[in-house]
Protein backbone atom coordinates (compact mmCIF):
# COMPACT_ATOMS: atom_id res chain seq x y z
CA MET A 1 -29.37 31.08 37.87
CA PRO A 2 -29.95 27.98 35.39
CA ILE A 3 -27.79 26.96 32.75
CA GLY A 4 -28.67 26.25 29.13
CA SER A 5 -30.67 27.67 26.82
CA ARG A 6 -34.46 28.38 27.65
CA ARG A 7 -35.23 25.61 24.92
CA ARG A 8 -32.91 23.00 26.93
CA ARG A 9 -33.99 23.92 30.02
CA ALA A 10 -38.18 23.49 29.40
CA ALA A 11 -36.84 20.37 27.16
CA ALA A 12 -35.15 19.01 30.74
CA ALA A 13 -38.49 20.23 32.81
CA VAL A 14 -40.65 17.93 30.37
CA GLY A 15 -38.01 15.12 28.86
CA GLY A 16 -39.96 12.16 30.21
CA ASN A 17 -42.91 13.18 27.97
CA ILE A 18 -40.42 13.65 24.63
CA PRO A 19 -39.82 10.94 22.55
CA PHE A 20 -35.95 10.06 22.18
CA GLU A 21 -36.02 11.38 18.77
CA GLN A 22 -37.97 14.14 19.11
CA LEU A 23 -35.82 15.87 21.66
CA PRO A 24 -35.53 19.57 20.90
CA TYR A 25 -31.83 19.70 20.23
CA GLN A 26 -31.22 21.78 17.12
CA CYS A 27 -27.64 20.32 16.49
CA PHE A 28 -29.18 16.99 17.53
CA GLN A 29 -32.04 17.35 15.03
CA GLU A 30 -29.32 18.30 12.55
CA ALA A 31 -26.97 15.70 13.16
CA ARG A 32 -30.31 13.16 12.70
CA LYS A 33 -30.88 14.56 9.14
CA VAL A 34 -26.91 13.66 7.76
CA LEU A 35 -27.76 10.82 9.24
CA GLN A 36 -31.05 10.13 7.35
CA ALA A 37 -29.45 11.47 4.40
CA ASP A 38 -26.53 9.10 4.82
CA ARG A 39 -28.63 5.85 5.71
CA GLU A 40 -30.80 6.77 2.57
CA GLU A 41 -27.76 6.21 0.40
CA LYS A 42 -26.86 2.97 2.07
CA VAL A 43 -30.23 1.53 1.39
CA ARG A 44 -29.54 2.95 -2.06
CA LEU A 45 -26.39 0.52 -2.46
CA ILE A 46 -28.26 -1.93 -1.08
CA ASP A 47 -30.88 -2.22 -3.28
CA VAL A 48 -28.74 -2.37 -6.03
CA GLU A 49 -26.75 -5.00 -4.48
CA ARG A 50 -29.85 -7.48 -4.27
CA GLN A 51 -30.01 -6.67 -7.97
CA ARG A 52 -26.38 -7.72 -8.66
CA ILE A 53 -27.08 -10.95 -6.56
CA ALA A 54 -30.82 -11.59 -8.38
CA ARG A 55 -29.00 -10.86 -11.83
CA LEU A 56 -25.96 -13.59 -10.97
CA GLU A 57 -28.50 -16.12 -9.78
CA ALA A 58 -30.44 -16.11 -12.68
CA GLN A 59 -27.62 -16.13 -15.09
CA GLU A 60 -27.08 -19.21 -16.99
CA PRO A 61 -24.53 -20.21 -17.92
CA PHE A 62 -22.11 -18.60 -16.25
CA PRO A 63 -18.29 -18.20 -17.25
CA GLY A 64 -17.05 -20.53 -14.80
CA THR A 65 -17.59 -23.54 -12.63
CA PRO A 66 -20.43 -23.97 -9.96
CA ALA A 67 -18.08 -23.54 -7.10
CA GLN A 68 -16.63 -20.37 -8.56
CA LYS A 69 -20.49 -19.05 -9.01
CA GLN A 70 -21.26 -20.14 -4.72
CA LEU A 71 -18.18 -18.35 -3.85
CA ARG A 72 -19.21 -14.86 -5.81
CA LEU A 73 -22.74 -15.44 -4.19
CA GLN A 74 -21.22 -15.61 -0.81
CA SER A 75 -18.72 -12.85 -1.09
CA MET A 76 -21.95 -10.54 -2.82
CA ARG A 77 -24.35 -11.55 0.25
CA LYS A 78 -21.40 -10.88 2.57
CA HIS A 79 -21.40 -7.40 1.53
CA LEU A 80 -25.33 -6.95 1.59
CA GLU A 81 -24.74 -7.64 5.47
CA TYR A 82 -22.23 -5.37 5.71
CA LEU A 83 -24.39 -2.46 3.79
CA LYS A 84 -27.34 -3.60 6.11
CA VAL A 85 -25.21 -3.06 9.22
CA GLN A 86 -23.88 0.45 7.79
CA ALA A 87 -27.13 1.33 7.44
CA ASP A 88 -28.66 1.60 10.74
CA ILE A 89 -24.78 1.44 13.08
CA ASN A 90 -25.36 5.15 13.57
CA ASP A 91 -28.76 5.71 14.06
CA PRO A 92 -28.91 6.97 17.70
CA MET A 93 -32.60 5.23 18.14
CA VAL A 94 -30.77 1.58 17.16
CA LYS A 95 -27.82 2.20 20.07
CA LYS A 96 -30.36 3.29 22.67
CA ARG A 97 -32.30 0.11 22.43
CA PHE A 98 -29.66 -2.33 21.93
CA GLU A 99 -28.55 -0.28 25.00
CA ASP A 100 -31.49 -1.03 26.87
CA GLY A 101 -31.67 -4.56 25.64
CA LYS A 102 -34.55 -4.06 23.45
CA GLY A 103 -32.39 -5.07 20.30
CA ASP A 104 -34.25 -7.49 18.00
CA MET A 105 -31.57 -10.31 17.06
CA ASN A 106 -33.30 -10.94 13.49
CA LYS A 107 -31.52 -7.74 12.32
CA PRO A 108 -27.82 -7.37 11.42
CA VAL A 109 -26.93 -4.62 12.92
CA TYR A 110 -28.29 -5.69 16.53
CA ARG A 111 -26.55 -8.86 15.83
CA HIS A 112 -23.04 -6.96 15.11
CA LEU A 113 -23.53 -4.48 18.09
CA ALA A 114 -23.93 -7.56 20.15
CA ASP A 115 -20.92 -9.69 18.49
CA ARG A 116 -18.50 -6.41 19.24
CA LYS A 117 -19.93 -5.75 22.75
CA TRP A 118 -19.08 -9.80 23.57
CA ARG A 119 -15.28 -9.34 22.20
CA SER A 120 -14.40 -6.64 23.87
CA TYR A 121 -14.37 -8.18 26.89
CA ARG A 122 -16.17 -11.73 27.75
CA ARG A 123 -14.26 -13.23 24.51
CA LEU A 124 -10.72 -11.68 26.37
CA LEU A 125 -11.77 -13.57 29.90
CA ILE A 126 -12.63 -16.69 28.37
CA MET A 127 -9.87 -16.70 26.18
CA GLN A 128 -7.47 -15.86 29.25
CA ARG A 129 -9.00 -18.53 31.42
CA ILE A 130 -9.03 -21.23 28.68
CA THR A 131 -5.05 -20.67 28.16
CA GLN A 132 -3.90 -19.82 31.80
CA MET A 133 -5.67 -23.07 32.90
CA ASN A 134 -4.50 -25.15 30.26
CA VAL A 135 -7.80 -26.37 28.80
CA VAL A 136 -5.94 -25.34 25.72
CA PRO A 137 -4.32 -27.66 24.87
CA ASP A 138 -5.13 -30.27 27.43
CA LEU A 139 -8.40 -30.62 25.69
CA LEU A 140 -8.22 -29.66 22.18
CA PRO A 141 -5.47 -28.33 20.37
CA TYR A 142 -7.21 -24.68 19.25
CA ILE A 143 -10.31 -22.71 19.59
CA ASP A 144 -11.26 -19.63 18.12
CA PRO A 145 -14.77 -18.92 19.89
CA VAL A 146 -17.15 -17.30 17.64
CA VAL A 147 -20.56 -17.47 19.90
CA ASP A 148 -20.88 -16.69 23.30
CA LEU A 149 -21.55 -19.04 26.21
CA SER A 150 -23.11 -18.71 29.34
CA ILE A 151 -23.82 -20.88 31.94
CA SER A 152 -26.34 -20.94 34.82
CA PHE A 153 -26.80 -23.50 37.88
CA CYS A 154 -30.33 -23.24 39.77
CA GLY A 155 -30.30 -19.56 38.56
CA LYS A 156 -26.62 -18.80 39.09
CA THR A 157 -24.30 -17.37 36.43
CA ALA A 158 -21.48 -19.45 36.61
CA HIS A 159 -18.19 -17.30 35.27
CA PRO A 160 -15.40 -18.39 33.32
CA GLY A 161 -12.87 -19.91 35.97
CA ASP A 162 -15.46 -20.22 39.10
CA PHE A 163 -15.87 -22.62 41.71
CA VAL A 164 -19.40 -24.12 41.43
CA GLU A 165 -20.71 -26.27 45.01
CA SER A 166 -21.44 -29.83 44.21
CA THR A 167 -24.91 -29.54 45.46
CA LEU A 168 -25.71 -26.63 42.52
CA SER A 169 -24.19 -28.42 39.78
CA GLU A 170 -25.53 -31.93 40.78
CA GLU A 171 -28.79 -30.96 37.85
CA ALA A 172 -28.12 -30.41 34.56
CA PRO A 173 -27.19 -26.72 33.49
CA LEU A 174 -28.81 -24.13 31.49
CA LEU A 175 -27.43 -22.73 28.32
CA LYS A 176 -27.09 -19.55 26.73
CA ILE A 177 -25.50 -19.91 23.50
CA GLN A 178 -25.76 -16.90 21.41
CA CYS A 179 -24.41 -16.55 18.16
CA PHE A 180 -23.78 -13.56 15.96
CA ASP A 181 -24.70 -14.75 12.58
CA ARG A 182 -27.72 -15.51 10.74
CA GLY A 183 -29.87 -19.11 10.36
CA GLU A 184 -30.03 -22.00 12.27
CA ARG A 185 -26.90 -24.37 12.80
CA LEU A 186 -26.79 -27.83 14.41
CA VAL A 187 -24.39 -28.33 17.41
CA THR A 188 -22.88 -30.89 19.95
CA ILE A 189 -22.25 -29.49 23.08
CA ALA A 190 -19.66 -31.67 25.71
CA VAL A 191 -18.76 -31.19 29.13
CA VAL A 192 -15.42 -32.95 29.70
CA ASP A 193 -13.40 -33.17 32.95
CA PRO A 194 -9.42 -33.77 31.99
CA ASP A 195 -8.81 -34.18 35.86
CA VAL A 196 -9.39 -37.36 37.24
CA PRO A 197 -6.78 -39.14 39.04
CA LYS A 198 -5.20 -42.27 37.65
CA PRO A 199 -3.30 -43.51 40.52
CA GLU A 200 -2.44 -46.79 39.36
CA GLU A 201 -0.10 -44.60 36.89
CA ASP A 202 0.35 -41.46 38.65
CA THR A 203 -1.38 -38.97 35.97
CA PHE A 204 -4.89 -38.22 35.10
CA LYS A 205 -7.33 -39.18 32.70
CA HIS A 206 -10.98 -37.53 31.25
CA ARG A 207 -14.08 -37.91 31.67
CA CYS A 208 -17.02 -37.24 29.48
CA HIS A 209 -20.44 -35.76 31.81
CA PHE A 210 -22.06 -34.94 29.15
CA LEU A 211 -22.44 -35.23 25.15
CA ALA A 212 -25.39 -34.23 22.79
CA SER A 213 -25.74 -33.44 19.24
CA ASN A 214 -27.85 -32.31 17.19
CA ILE A 215 -29.10 -29.45 18.99
CA ARG A 216 -30.85 -26.71 17.26
CA ILE A 217 -29.58 -22.80 17.70
CA SER A 218 -29.96 -19.24 16.33
CA PRO A 219 -29.68 -15.89 17.08
CA THR A 220 -32.72 -15.67 18.03
CA SER A 221 -33.05 -19.00 20.14
CA PRO A 222 -30.08 -19.44 22.14
CA ILE A 223 -31.10 -21.15 25.56
CA VAL A 224 -30.33 -24.79 25.58
CA LYS A 225 -31.79 -26.97 28.79
CA LEU A 226 -29.29 -30.09 29.22
CA GLY A 227 -32.03 -31.42 31.12
CA HIS A 228 -34.92 -31.11 28.92
CA LEU A 229 -33.04 -32.70 25.71
CA ASN A 230 -34.68 -35.90 24.06
CA GLN A 231 -32.68 -38.52 25.10
CA GLU A 232 -33.60 -40.91 21.84
CA ALA A 233 -32.71 -38.33 19.31
CA GLN A 234 -29.95 -36.02 21.06
CA VAL A 235 -28.38 -37.17 24.11
CA ILE A 236 -25.34 -39.32 23.91
CA GLN A 237 -24.28 -39.22 27.43
CA SER A 238 -26.51 -37.88 30.27
CA TRP A 239 -25.49 -35.63 32.94
CA LEU A 240 -23.33 -37.35 35.42
CA PRO A 241 -22.47 -34.55 38.39
CA PRO A 242 -18.56 -33.41 38.70
CA PHE A 243 -16.96 -34.04 41.53
CA ALA A 244 -13.75 -34.14 43.11
CA GLN A 245 -12.64 -36.68 45.83
CA LYS A 246 -11.13 -35.40 49.21
CA GLY A 247 -7.32 -34.70 48.68
CA SER A 248 -7.62 -34.43 44.85
CA PRO A 249 -6.92 -30.94 43.29
CA TYR A 250 -9.54 -29.11 41.92
CA HIS A 251 -11.32 -30.10 38.54
CA ARG A 252 -12.01 -27.99 35.68
CA LEU A 253 -14.89 -28.34 34.07
CA ALA A 254 -14.90 -27.14 30.22
CA VAL A 255 -17.77 -26.52 27.88
CA PHE A 256 -17.12 -27.07 24.29
CA VAL A 257 -19.72 -26.03 21.52
CA LEU A 258 -19.23 -27.96 18.41
CA GLN A 259 -21.00 -26.82 15.28
CA GLN A 260 -21.73 -29.89 12.79
CA PRO A 261 -21.04 -29.58 9.21
CA GLY A 262 -24.38 -27.98 7.53
CA LEU A 263 -27.45 -28.91 8.61
CA GLU A 264 -26.07 -32.98 8.99
CA GLN A 265 -27.94 -35.03 11.78
CA LEU A 266 -25.07 -36.75 13.66
CA ASP A 267 -25.38 -40.56 13.61
CA LEU A 268 -26.33 -41.54 17.13
CA GLU A 269 -25.63 -44.85 16.79
CA VAL A 270 -22.55 -44.42 15.91
CA ALA A 271 -21.48 -41.46 18.23
CA LYS A 272 -22.73 -44.08 21.06
CA SER A 273 -20.72 -46.69 20.28
CA LYS A 274 -17.23 -44.51 19.87
CA ALA A 275 -18.07 -43.03 23.14
CA ALA A 276 -19.83 -45.53 25.10
CA ASN A 277 -17.15 -45.11 28.27
CA ARG A 278 -17.25 -42.17 30.01
CA ASP A 279 -13.77 -42.31 31.45
CA GLY A 280 -11.18 -42.40 28.64
CA PHE A 281 -13.33 -39.95 26.28
CA HIS A 282 -11.22 -38.02 23.85
CA LEU A 283 -12.98 -34.93 22.69
CA ARG A 284 -9.93 -34.51 20.00
CA GLY A 285 -10.81 -37.65 18.26
CA PHE A 286 -14.60 -37.55 18.87
CA ALA A 287 -14.53 -33.97 17.33
CA THR A 288 -12.49 -35.24 13.91
CA ARG A 289 -13.95 -38.15 13.61
CA HIS A 290 -17.49 -36.70 12.99
CA ARG A 291 -16.16 -33.42 11.37
CA LEU A 292 -17.17 -31.02 14.11
CA THR A 293 -15.90 -27.88 14.15
CA PRO A 294 -15.36 -26.04 17.83
CA THR A 295 -17.12 -22.52 17.99
CA GLY A 296 -17.87 -21.97 21.49
CA VAL A 297 -16.24 -22.89 25.27
CA GLY A 298 -16.84 -22.46 28.56
CA LEU A 299 -15.18 -23.16 31.70
CA PHE A 300 -16.38 -23.59 35.48
CA ARG A 301 -14.51 -25.96 38.75
CA THR A 302 -15.07 -28.17 41.01
CA GLN A 303 -13.36 -29.27 44.59
CA TRP A 304 -14.31 -31.77 47.51
CA ASP A 305 -16.62 -30.04 50.01
CA GLU A 306 -19.24 -30.86 52.62
CA GLY A 307 -22.17 -31.92 49.72
CA THR A 308 -19.72 -34.00 47.41
CA ALA A 309 -20.46 -37.29 49.35
CA GLY A 310 -23.69 -37.10 49.38
CA VAL A 311 -23.91 -36.20 45.13
CA MET A 312 -22.03 -39.07 44.51
CA GLN A 313 -24.06 -41.33 46.74
CA ARG A 314 -26.95 -40.29 45.09
CA ALA A 315 -25.40 -40.37 41.48
CA GLY A 316 -24.37 -43.89 41.87
CA VAL A 317 -20.26 -43.18 41.80
CA GLU A 318 -18.06 -45.00 44.25
CA GLY A 319 -15.23 -43.51 45.57
CA ALA A 320 -16.59 -41.25 48.16
CA ASP A 321 -14.65 -42.65 50.95
CA ILE A 322 -11.33 -42.61 49.28
CA GLU A 323 -8.82 -39.83 50.26
CA PHE A 324 -5.86 -38.84 48.27
CA LYS A 325 -2.86 -37.96 49.62
CA ARG A 326 0.75 -36.14 48.83
CA LYS A 327 3.66 -38.63 48.17
CA ARG A 328 6.19 -37.42 50.92
CA ILE A 329 9.41 -36.93 48.50
CA GLU A 330 12.64 -37.57 50.50
CA PRO A 331 15.49 -35.42 50.22
CA LEU A 332 18.72 -36.39 48.34
CA PRO A 333 21.30 -37.83 50.46
CA TYR A 334 23.99 -35.24 49.96
CA LYS A 335 20.65 -32.58 51.14
CA ARG A 336 19.06 -34.65 54.37
CA LYS A 337 19.93 -32.19 57.66
CA ASP A 338 22.56 -34.46 60.08
CA GLY A 339 20.37 -34.57 62.99
CA SER A 340 23.66 -34.56 65.35
CA ARG A 341 24.06 -31.31 64.77
CA PHE A 342 21.07 -30.09 66.30
CA ARG A 343 21.66 -32.35 70.01
């Protein structure tokens, strides 16, 4: 016996030919009328807020300082973006397009939905990894990620904390830096290894594997191919394949996205003079010196494998024949076992 109304059974029989917004369900269509009325009210509020912003921009003289005027305008524009999101957030067609991967990142509502989805899982995951593996505070004292950073080598995505084979990471990766607020921005990208052995001092040092600045990204242009950047105008240190010598612990490779102030171009000559050496590179000092704000982070790991020696040889890196061994720790005299007891 069929279940449901005659109208529902008819819709199910030919559902593939009916547009989603025209599904013949009475409750669905009544709900759409309520949502449409709410959207019309939000659109009216958007028009009112735009008029208020236009009047404030044209107001001369302003009863206050220019900084106060800009602060008020910034607050009003933020509220305008909020109203734009609220106007479409409950539209079932908007949610359907977003879930189908067809959202337009030029529109505030799709940026809001993408940001909410990222914060529900991916941001929690990367924060867990960089805290668990002590990337923070080893490289930077603090970071509050606001952009979604994805790393892929030769078409294979490296999830946070994954081990990447040395032959895969020999070529510079492709980054997807998805930001969720409107407008373009200039960023600096740094790839740093904080686990380089320093045997003469029995400690570790940092090494810069890649450094580039003045990279323009936006919500609709998130793809950055590190191997295709301008060597003269953007790259400070070219890509050095990650490697770990035999016997050494795994190496953490942290990828940082640092936003430059405004749309100011970084002076590459000054940056190259300060970051001339890969070994001993300190990201903390570099970011402070150039007033960079960390906004995104990624992480992968590397270890000695069968292809590491060849990768090091092709990259011109010495030390592929060196093997690190753990130092034997002798027990204290009173903890040594007397061999005569076992004779």
